[in-house]
Structures are given as structure tokens and as C-alpha cells.
């Protein structure tokens, strides 16, 4: 039975990854640029250290990604007031607009899959999805 669940979850993750990749291409971004932008936007600001942890990429790749997003005027860096050694990332107004557009397109892509569910099924699905996200966030490589 576990095999059936793991296969189904893997399929959902795979389809979600393809959606992210297609959206990145649609908006003229490389995948890491897209993921970094949406993570910073979703968090309302993020430390570079936390972004690196969430993306699980080498520091040089992250630096290139951040530099390219700054060049596109989508994010900005700011030193932390609490710890001057730490840099924080925030969306620019242009980045906020792009993130809103991305969120809208994601919603349009996902809505048909959820339309067939009842209200209680949607609530249960969202609760399970949040638990899966938490579990994979806590795991190395997740």
C-alpha cells in the first residue's frame, strides 16, 4: 500500500515540477531564478542563508542567481539590522508584480484539478499538502 502512495505522491511532485519549469520559461526566467523569486516573495523577504538552504544549491550558483535577479530589478539585497553580517532579500515592486502574475497563472493551472473536489475534500487535501510540504522542507534534499 505504501508503494501506491509513494508513486502517487511522486507523480504529483513531478507534475508540480513541470508546472514550475513551464512557468519559469513562460516568464523568461531560469528555474533557479524562478524558484528564488517565488521563495523570497512567498516569505515576504528571506535571508540569503535560508534561500540557499531551501534551494540546496552551491553558494556560487546562488550568487549568480541573486545577481541576475537584481540585474532584472526583481529583488534587492539589504543588510540585516539585527546581524550586519547577514544579507536579506526582498522583492522590488517589479518583482512583486511578477510574483502576483506567477501566482495567478499557478492558480489557473491548478484550479481545474481541484474543481471536482467538495469543500471538505479541498480542506483535507490542503491540510495533507501542507504536512507533506513541512515534511519535505525538514528533510535534506527535500
N, C-alpha and C. Protein backbone atom coordinates (compact mmCIF):
# COMPACT_ATOMS: atom_id res chain seq x y z
N UNK A 1 0.82 -1.19 0.00
CA UNK A 1 0.00 0.00 0.00
C UNK A 1 0.86 1.26 0.00
N UNK A 2 1.97 1.25 0.75
CA UNK A 2 2.87 2.40 0.79
C UNK A 2 3.39 2.70 -0.60
N UNK A 3 3.68 1.66 -1.38
CA UNK A 3 4.19 1.84 -2.74
C UNK A 3 3.20 2.66 -3.58
N UNK A 4 1.91 2.38 -3.45
CA UNK A 4 0.88 3.11 -4.20
C UNK A 4 0.91 4.58 -3.81
N UNK A 5 0.98 4.86 -2.51
CA UNK A 5 1.02 6.25 -2.05
C UNK A 5 2.27 6.96 -2.53
N UNK A 6 3.42 6.29 -2.41
CA UNK A 6 4.66 6.95 -2.82
C UNK A 6 4.66 7.22 -4.32
N UNK A 7 4.11 6.30 -5.10
CA UNK A 7 4.03 6.50 -6.55
C UNK A 7 3.12 7.68 -6.87
N UNK A 8 1.98 7.77 -6.22
CA UNK A 8 1.03 8.86 -6.45
C UNK A 8 1.64 10.20 -6.05
N UNK A 9 2.29 10.24 -4.90
CA UNK A 9 2.93 11.47 -4.43
C UNK A 9 4.04 11.88 -5.39
N UNK A 10 4.83 10.90 -5.85
CA UNK A 10 5.90 11.20 -6.81
C UNK A 10 5.32 11.78 -8.10
N UNK A 11 4.19 11.27 -8.55
CA UNK A 11 3.54 11.79 -9.75
C UNK A 11 3.09 13.24 -9.54
N UNK A 12 2.50 13.52 -8.40
CA UNK A 12 2.05 14.88 -8.09
C UNK A 12 3.24 15.83 -8.05
N UNK A 13 4.33 15.41 -7.37
CA UNK A 13 5.53 16.24 -7.30
C UNK A 13 6.10 16.48 -8.69
N UNK A 14 6.10 15.45 -9.52
CA UNK A 14 6.62 15.56 -10.88
C UNK A 14 5.80 16.55 -11.70
N UNK A 15 4.48 16.47 -11.59
CA UNK A 15 3.62 17.39 -12.32
C UNK A 15 3.80 18.82 -11.81
N UNK A 16 3.98 18.97 -10.49
CA UNK A 16 4.21 20.29 -9.92
C UNK A 16 5.54 20.86 -10.43
N UNK A 17 6.55 20.01 -10.51
CA UNK A 17 7.87 20.46 -11.01
C UNK A 17 7.76 20.89 -12.47
N UNK A 18 7.01 20.16 -13.27
CA UNK A 18 6.83 20.54 -14.67
C UNK A 18 6.08 21.86 -14.79
N UNK A 19 5.10 22.08 -13.93
CA UNK A 19 4.38 23.36 -13.92
C UNK A 19 5.35 24.50 -13.61
N UNK A 20 6.20 24.31 -12.59
CA UNK A 20 7.17 25.34 -12.23
C UNK A 20 8.13 25.62 -13.39
N UNK A 21 8.60 24.58 -14.01
CA UNK A 21 9.54 24.73 -15.14
C UNK A 21 8.88 25.47 -16.30
N UNK A 22 7.65 25.10 -16.62
CA UNK A 22 6.93 25.76 -17.71
C UNK A 22 6.63 27.22 -17.39
N UNK A 23 6.28 27.50 -16.14
CA UNK A 23 6.04 28.89 -15.74
C UNK A 23 7.33 29.70 -15.80
N UNK A 24 8.42 29.12 -15.35
CA UNK A 24 9.71 29.81 -15.42
C UNK A 24 10.01 30.20 -16.86
N UNK A 25 9.85 29.26 -17.78
CA UNK A 25 10.10 29.54 -19.19
C UNK A 25 9.15 30.62 -19.70
N UNK A 26 7.89 30.52 -19.33
CA UNK A 26 6.89 31.50 -19.77
C UNK A 26 7.29 32.92 -19.36
N UNK A 27 7.83 33.07 -18.16
CA UNK A 27 8.20 34.39 -17.66
C UNK A 27 9.65 34.77 -17.97
N UNK A 28 10.33 33.96 -18.78
CA UNK A 28 11.69 34.30 -19.22
C UNK A 28 12.73 34.16 -18.12
N UNK A 29 12.51 33.24 -17.20
CA UNK A 29 13.44 33.02 -16.10
C UNK A 29 14.02 31.62 -16.16
N UNK A 30 15.24 31.48 -15.66
CA UNK A 30 15.81 30.15 -15.46
C UNK A 30 15.15 29.56 -14.21
N UNK A 31 15.17 28.26 -14.09
CA UNK A 31 14.45 27.61 -12.99
C UNK A 31 14.87 28.14 -11.62
N UNK A 32 16.18 28.26 -11.36
CA UNK A 32 16.61 28.74 -10.04
C UNK A 32 16.21 30.20 -9.82
N UNK A 33 16.20 31.01 -10.88
CA UNK A 33 15.72 32.38 -10.74
C UNK A 33 14.25 32.37 -10.33
N UNK A 34 13.48 31.55 -11.01
CA UNK A 34 12.05 31.43 -10.74
C UNK A 34 11.80 30.98 -9.31
N UNK A 35 12.49 29.91 -8.90
CA UNK A 35 12.29 29.38 -7.55
C UNK A 35 12.73 30.39 -6.49
N UNK A 36 13.87 31.03 -6.70
CA UNK A 36 14.35 32.03 -5.74
C UNK A 36 13.36 33.17 -5.62
N UNK A 37 12.88 33.66 -6.75
CA UNK A 37 11.93 34.77 -6.75
C UNK A 37 10.66 34.41 -5.98
N UNK A 38 10.12 33.24 -6.25
CA UNK A 38 8.87 32.85 -5.58
C UNK A 38 9.08 32.54 -4.10
N UNK A 39 10.24 32.02 -3.75
CA UNK A 39 10.52 31.78 -2.32
C UNK A 39 10.67 33.09 -1.56
N UNK A 40 11.39 34.04 -2.13
CA UNK A 40 11.56 35.35 -1.49
C UNK A 40 10.19 36.03 -1.38
N UNK A 41 9.42 35.98 -2.45
CA UNK A 41 8.10 36.60 -2.44
C UNK A 41 7.14 35.94 -1.47
N UNK A 42 7.17 34.62 -1.44
CA UNK A 42 6.27 33.89 -0.54
C UNK A 42 6.58 34.10 0.92
N UNK A 43 7.85 34.40 1.21
CA UNK A 43 8.26 34.61 2.60
C UNK A 43 8.19 36.08 3.01
N UNK A 44 7.96 36.97 2.03
CA UNK A 44 7.96 38.39 2.34
C UNK A 44 9.35 38.92 2.66
N UNK A 45 10.35 38.25 2.16
CA UNK A 45 11.75 38.57 2.44
C UNK A 45 12.41 37.34 3.04
N UNK A 46 13.68 37.15 2.72
CA UNK A 46 14.37 35.94 3.13
C UNK A 46 15.86 36.21 3.22
N UNK A 47 16.52 35.56 4.17
CA UNK A 47 17.97 35.69 4.24
C UNK A 47 18.60 34.86 3.12
N UNK A 48 19.77 35.26 2.70
CA UNK A 48 20.47 34.51 1.66
C UNK A 48 20.76 33.10 2.17
N UNK A 49 21.12 32.99 3.43
CA UNK A 49 21.40 31.68 4.02
C UNK A 49 20.18 30.76 3.95
N UNK A 50 19.00 31.29 4.27
CA UNK A 50 17.78 30.49 4.23
C UNK A 50 17.41 30.13 2.79
N UNK A 51 17.60 31.06 1.88
CA UNK A 51 17.31 30.76 0.48
C UNK A 51 18.22 29.65 -0.02
N UNK A 52 19.49 29.70 0.34
CA UNK A 52 20.42 28.64 -0.06
C UNK A 52 19.99 27.29 0.52
N UNK A 53 19.55 27.28 1.77
CA UNK A 53 19.09 26.04 2.40
C UNK A 53 17.87 25.49 1.65
N UNK A 54 16.95 26.35 1.31
CA UNK A 54 15.72 25.90 0.65
C UNK A 54 15.96 25.43 -0.78
N UNK A 55 16.89 26.07 -1.47
CA UNK A 55 17.17 25.68 -2.85
C UNK A 55 18.18 24.54 -2.94
N UNK A 56 18.97 24.35 -1.88
CA UNK A 56 20.00 23.29 -1.86
C UNK A 56 20.93 23.40 -3.07
N UNK A 57 21.48 24.61 -3.28
CA UNK A 57 22.42 24.80 -4.38
C UNK A 57 23.71 25.40 -3.84
N UNK A 58 24.81 25.22 -4.56
CA UNK A 58 26.09 25.79 -4.11
C UNK A 58 26.01 27.31 -4.03
N UNK A 59 26.84 27.88 -3.15
CA UNK A 59 26.86 29.32 -2.95
C UNK A 59 27.14 30.10 -4.23
N UNK A 60 28.05 29.59 -5.08
CA UNK A 60 28.37 30.31 -6.31
C UNK A 60 27.16 30.36 -7.25
N UNK A 61 26.39 29.29 -7.31
CA UNK A 61 25.19 29.27 -8.14
C UNK A 61 24.14 30.23 -7.58
N UNK A 62 24.03 30.27 -6.26
CA UNK A 62 23.07 31.17 -5.64
C UNK A 62 23.47 32.62 -5.88
N UNK A 63 24.75 32.92 -5.76
CA UNK A 63 25.23 34.29 -6.01
C UNK A 63 24.89 34.71 -7.43
N UNK A 64 25.14 33.82 -8.39
CA UNK A 64 24.81 34.11 -9.79
C UNK A 64 23.31 34.35 -9.95
N UNK A 65 22.50 33.52 -9.30
CA UNK A 65 21.04 33.65 -9.38
C UNK A 65 20.57 34.99 -8.80
N UNK A 66 21.08 35.32 -7.61
CA UNK A 66 20.69 36.58 -6.96
C UNK A 66 21.15 37.77 -7.80
N UNK A 67 22.39 37.72 -8.29
CA UNK A 67 22.90 38.81 -9.13
C UNK A 67 22.02 39.01 -10.37
N UNK A 68 21.61 37.91 -10.98
CA UNK A 68 20.80 38.02 -12.20
C UNK A 68 19.41 38.58 -11.88
N UNK A 69 18.85 38.22 -10.74
CA UNK A 69 17.54 38.77 -10.35
C UNK A 69 17.64 40.25 -10.00
N UNK A 70 18.76 40.64 -9.40
CA UNK A 70 18.99 42.06 -9.12
C UNK A 70 19.14 42.85 -10.43
N UNK A 71 19.85 42.27 -11.37
CA UNK A 71 20.06 42.93 -12.66
C UNK A 71 18.72 43.14 -13.37
N UNK A 72 17.80 42.20 -13.19
CA UNK A 72 16.46 42.32 -13.79
C UNK A 72 15.54 43.21 -12.95
N UNK A 73 16.07 43.72 -11.84
CA UNK A 73 15.34 44.60 -10.92
C UNK A 73 14.11 43.92 -10.31
N UNK A 74 14.29 42.62 -9.97
CA UNK A 74 13.20 41.85 -9.37
C UNK A 74 13.38 41.69 -7.86
N UNK A 75 14.63 41.70 -7.40
CA UNK A 75 14.90 41.62 -5.97
C UNK A 75 15.95 42.65 -5.59
N UNK A 76 16.05 42.90 -4.29
CA UNK A 76 17.10 43.78 -3.77
C UNK A 76 17.65 43.16 -2.49
N UNK A 77 18.91 43.44 -2.22
CA UNK A 77 19.57 42.97 -1.00
C UNK A 77 19.60 44.10 0.01
N UNK A 78 19.52 43.70 1.28
CA UNK A 78 19.64 44.68 2.36
C UNK A 78 20.29 43.98 3.55
N UNK A 79 21.19 44.67 4.20
CA UNK A 79 21.81 44.11 5.40
C UNK A 79 20.77 44.00 6.50
N UNK A 80 20.88 42.95 7.29
CA UNK A 80 20.00 42.77 8.44
C UNK A 80 20.34 43.82 9.50
N UNK A 81 19.33 44.37 10.12
CA UNK A 81 19.56 45.34 11.20
C UNK A 81 20.05 44.63 12.46
N UNK A 82 19.62 43.37 12.64
CA UNK A 82 19.99 42.61 13.83
C UNK A 82 21.40 42.04 13.73
N UNK A 83 21.79 41.61 12.53
CA UNK A 83 23.11 41.00 12.33
C UNK A 83 23.69 41.55 11.04
N UNK A 84 24.61 42.48 11.15
CA UNK A 84 25.15 43.17 9.99
C UNK A 84 25.91 42.24 9.03
N UNK A 85 26.22 41.03 9.48
CA UNK A 85 26.89 40.07 8.59
C UNK A 85 25.90 39.41 7.65
N UNK A 86 24.64 39.47 7.98
CA UNK A 86 23.60 38.76 7.22
C UNK A 86 22.94 39.69 6.19
N UNK A 87 22.72 39.14 5.01
CA UNK A 87 22.02 39.87 3.95
C UNK A 87 20.61 39.30 3.80
N UNK A 88 19.66 40.18 3.61
CA UNK A 88 18.26 39.80 3.40
C UNK A 88 17.85 40.16 1.98
N UNK A 89 16.96 39.38 1.43
CA UNK A 89 16.46 39.60 0.08
C UNK A 89 14.99 39.97 0.12
N UNK A 90 14.62 40.97 -0.67
CA UNK A 90 13.24 41.42 -0.76
C UNK A 90 12.88 41.64 -2.22
N UNK A 91 11.61 41.52 -2.54
CA UNK A 91 11.16 41.81 -3.89
C UNK A 91 11.08 43.31 -4.10
N UNK A 92 11.38 43.72 -5.31
CA UNK A 92 11.14 45.10 -5.72
C UNK A 92 9.67 45.18 -6.14
N UNK A 93 9.14 46.37 -6.40
CA UNK A 93 7.77 46.44 -6.92
C UNK A 93 7.59 45.63 -8.21
N UNK A 94 8.58 45.64 -9.07
CA UNK A 94 8.52 44.83 -10.30
C UNK A 94 8.48 43.35 -9.96
N UNK A 95 9.29 42.93 -8.98
CA UNK A 95 9.29 41.54 -8.54
C UNK A 95 7.96 41.14 -7.91
N UNK A 96 7.37 42.05 -7.15
CA UNK A 96 6.07 41.78 -6.53
C UNK A 96 5.00 41.57 -7.60
N UNK A 97 5.03 42.39 -8.64
CA UNK A 97 4.06 42.26 -9.73
C UNK A 97 4.26 40.93 -10.45
N UNK A 98 5.51 40.58 -10.70
CA UNK A 98 5.79 39.32 -11.38
C UNK A 98 5.34 38.14 -10.52
N UNK A 99 5.60 38.19 -9.22
CA UNK A 99 5.16 37.11 -8.33
C UNK A 99 3.64 36.99 -8.32
N UNK A 100 2.95 38.11 -8.34
CA UNK A 100 1.48 38.09 -8.38
C UNK A 100 1.00 37.45 -9.68
N UNK A 101 1.66 37.77 -10.80
CA UNK A 101 1.31 37.17 -12.08
C UNK A 101 1.57 35.66 -12.07
N UNK A 102 2.68 35.27 -11.46
CA UNK A 102 3.02 33.84 -11.36
C UNK A 102 1.97 33.12 -10.53
N UNK A 103 1.62 33.70 -9.40
CA UNK A 103 0.62 33.09 -8.51
C UNK A 103 -0.72 32.94 -9.23
N UNK A 104 -1.10 33.94 -10.00
CA UNK A 104 -2.36 33.89 -10.76
C UNK A 104 -2.31 32.76 -11.79
N UNK A 105 -1.20 32.63 -12.50
CA UNK A 105 -1.10 31.57 -13.51
C UNK A 105 -1.07 30.19 -12.85
N UNK A 106 -0.40 30.08 -11.69
CA UNK A 106 -0.41 28.80 -10.96
C UNK A 106 -1.83 28.44 -10.57
N UNK A 107 -2.55 29.41 -10.07
CA UNK A 107 -3.93 29.19 -9.64
C UNK A 107 -4.79 28.72 -10.82
N UNK A 108 -4.62 29.37 -11.96
CA UNK A 108 -5.38 28.98 -13.15
C UNK A 108 -5.03 27.56 -13.60
N UNK A 109 -3.78 27.18 -13.44
CA UNK A 109 -3.35 25.84 -13.86
C UNK A 109 -3.84 24.76 -12.91
N UNK A 110 -3.91 25.09 -11.63
CA UNK A 110 -4.26 24.09 -10.62
C UNK A 110 -5.76 23.98 -10.38
N UNK A 111 -6.49 25.08 -10.59
CA UNK A 111 -7.93 25.10 -10.31
C UNK A 111 -8.71 23.95 -10.92
N UNK A 112 -8.49 23.62 -12.19
CA UNK A 112 -9.29 22.52 -12.77
C UNK A 112 -9.13 21.19 -12.00
N UNK A 113 -7.95 20.96 -11.46
CA UNK A 113 -7.72 19.71 -10.72
C UNK A 113 -8.49 19.70 -9.39
N UNK A 114 -8.71 20.88 -8.83
CA UNK A 114 -9.40 20.97 -7.53
C UNK A 114 -10.90 21.18 -7.68
N UNK A 115 -11.36 21.57 -8.85
CA UNK A 115 -12.78 21.88 -9.05
C UNK A 115 -13.70 20.71 -8.77
N UNK A 116 -13.23 19.49 -8.99
CA UNK A 116 -14.06 18.32 -8.76
C UNK A 116 -14.18 17.90 -7.31
N UNK A 117 -13.44 18.56 -6.43
CA UNK A 117 -13.46 18.20 -5.01
C UNK A 117 -14.52 19.01 -4.26
N UNK A 118 -15.11 18.38 -3.26
CA UNK A 118 -16.05 19.11 -2.39
C UNK A 118 -15.25 20.02 -1.47
N UNK A 119 -15.95 20.88 -0.77
CA UNK A 119 -15.29 21.79 0.17
C UNK A 119 -14.48 21.06 1.22
N UNK A 120 -15.05 20.01 1.78
CA UNK A 120 -14.34 19.26 2.83
C UNK A 120 -13.15 18.49 2.25
N UNK A 121 -13.29 18.02 1.01
CA UNK A 121 -12.17 17.33 0.36
C UNK A 121 -11.02 18.31 0.08
N UNK A 122 -11.35 19.52 -0.36
CA UNK A 122 -10.33 20.54 -0.58
C UNK A 122 -9.61 20.88 0.72
N UNK A 123 -10.37 21.02 1.79
CA UNK A 123 -9.79 21.32 3.09
C UNK A 123 -8.85 20.20 3.52
N UNK A 124 -9.28 18.96 3.37
CA UNK A 124 -8.45 17.81 3.74
C UNK A 124 -7.20 17.75 2.86
N UNK A 125 -7.37 17.98 1.56
CA UNK A 125 -6.23 17.96 0.64
C UNK A 125 -5.20 19.02 1.03
N UNK A 126 -5.66 20.23 1.30
CA UNK A 126 -4.75 21.31 1.66
C UNK A 126 -4.01 21.02 2.95
N UNK A 127 -4.70 20.41 3.90
CA UNK A 127 -4.06 20.04 5.17
C UNK A 127 -2.96 19.00 4.92
N UNK A 128 -3.26 18.00 4.13
CA UNK A 128 -2.29 16.96 3.81
C UNK A 128 -1.12 17.54 3.00
N UNK A 129 -1.43 18.40 2.04
CA UNK A 129 -0.38 19.02 1.22
C UNK A 129 0.56 19.85 2.10
N UNK A 130 0.00 20.57 3.07
CA UNK A 130 0.84 21.38 3.97
C UNK A 130 1.73 20.47 4.82
N UNK A 131 1.21 19.36 5.29
CA UNK A 131 2.02 18.40 6.06
C UNK A 131 3.13 17.81 5.21
N UNK A 132 2.82 17.48 3.96
CA UNK A 132 3.86 16.96 3.04
C UNK A 132 4.93 18.02 2.79
N UNK A 133 4.51 19.27 2.60
CA UNK A 133 5.47 20.34 2.39
C UNK A 133 6.38 20.50 3.60
N UNK A 134 5.80 20.49 4.78
CA UNK A 134 6.60 20.61 6.00
C UNK A 134 7.58 19.46 6.13
N UNK A 135 7.11 18.26 5.85
CA UNK A 135 7.97 17.07 5.97
C UNK A 135 9.11 17.12 4.97
N UNK A 136 8.85 17.55 3.74
CA UNK A 136 9.92 17.61 2.75
C UNK A 136 10.84 18.79 2.99
N UNK A 137 10.34 19.89 3.56
CA UNK A 137 11.20 21.02 3.91
C UNK A 137 12.20 20.64 4.99
N UNK A 138 11.79 19.78 5.90
CA UNK A 138 12.63 19.40 7.03
C UNK A 138 13.71 18.41 6.63
N UNK A 139 13.55 17.73 5.52
CA UNK A 139 14.50 16.70 5.09
C UNK A 139 15.57 17.31 4.20
N UNK A 140 16.84 16.84 4.35
CA UNK A 140 17.88 17.27 3.40
C UNK A 140 17.48 16.85 2.00
N UNK A 141 17.62 17.77 1.06
CA UNK A 141 17.25 17.46 -0.32
C UNK A 141 15.77 17.53 -0.56
N UNK A 142 14.98 17.91 0.47
CA UNK A 142 13.52 17.94 0.32
C UNK A 142 13.02 19.32 0.07
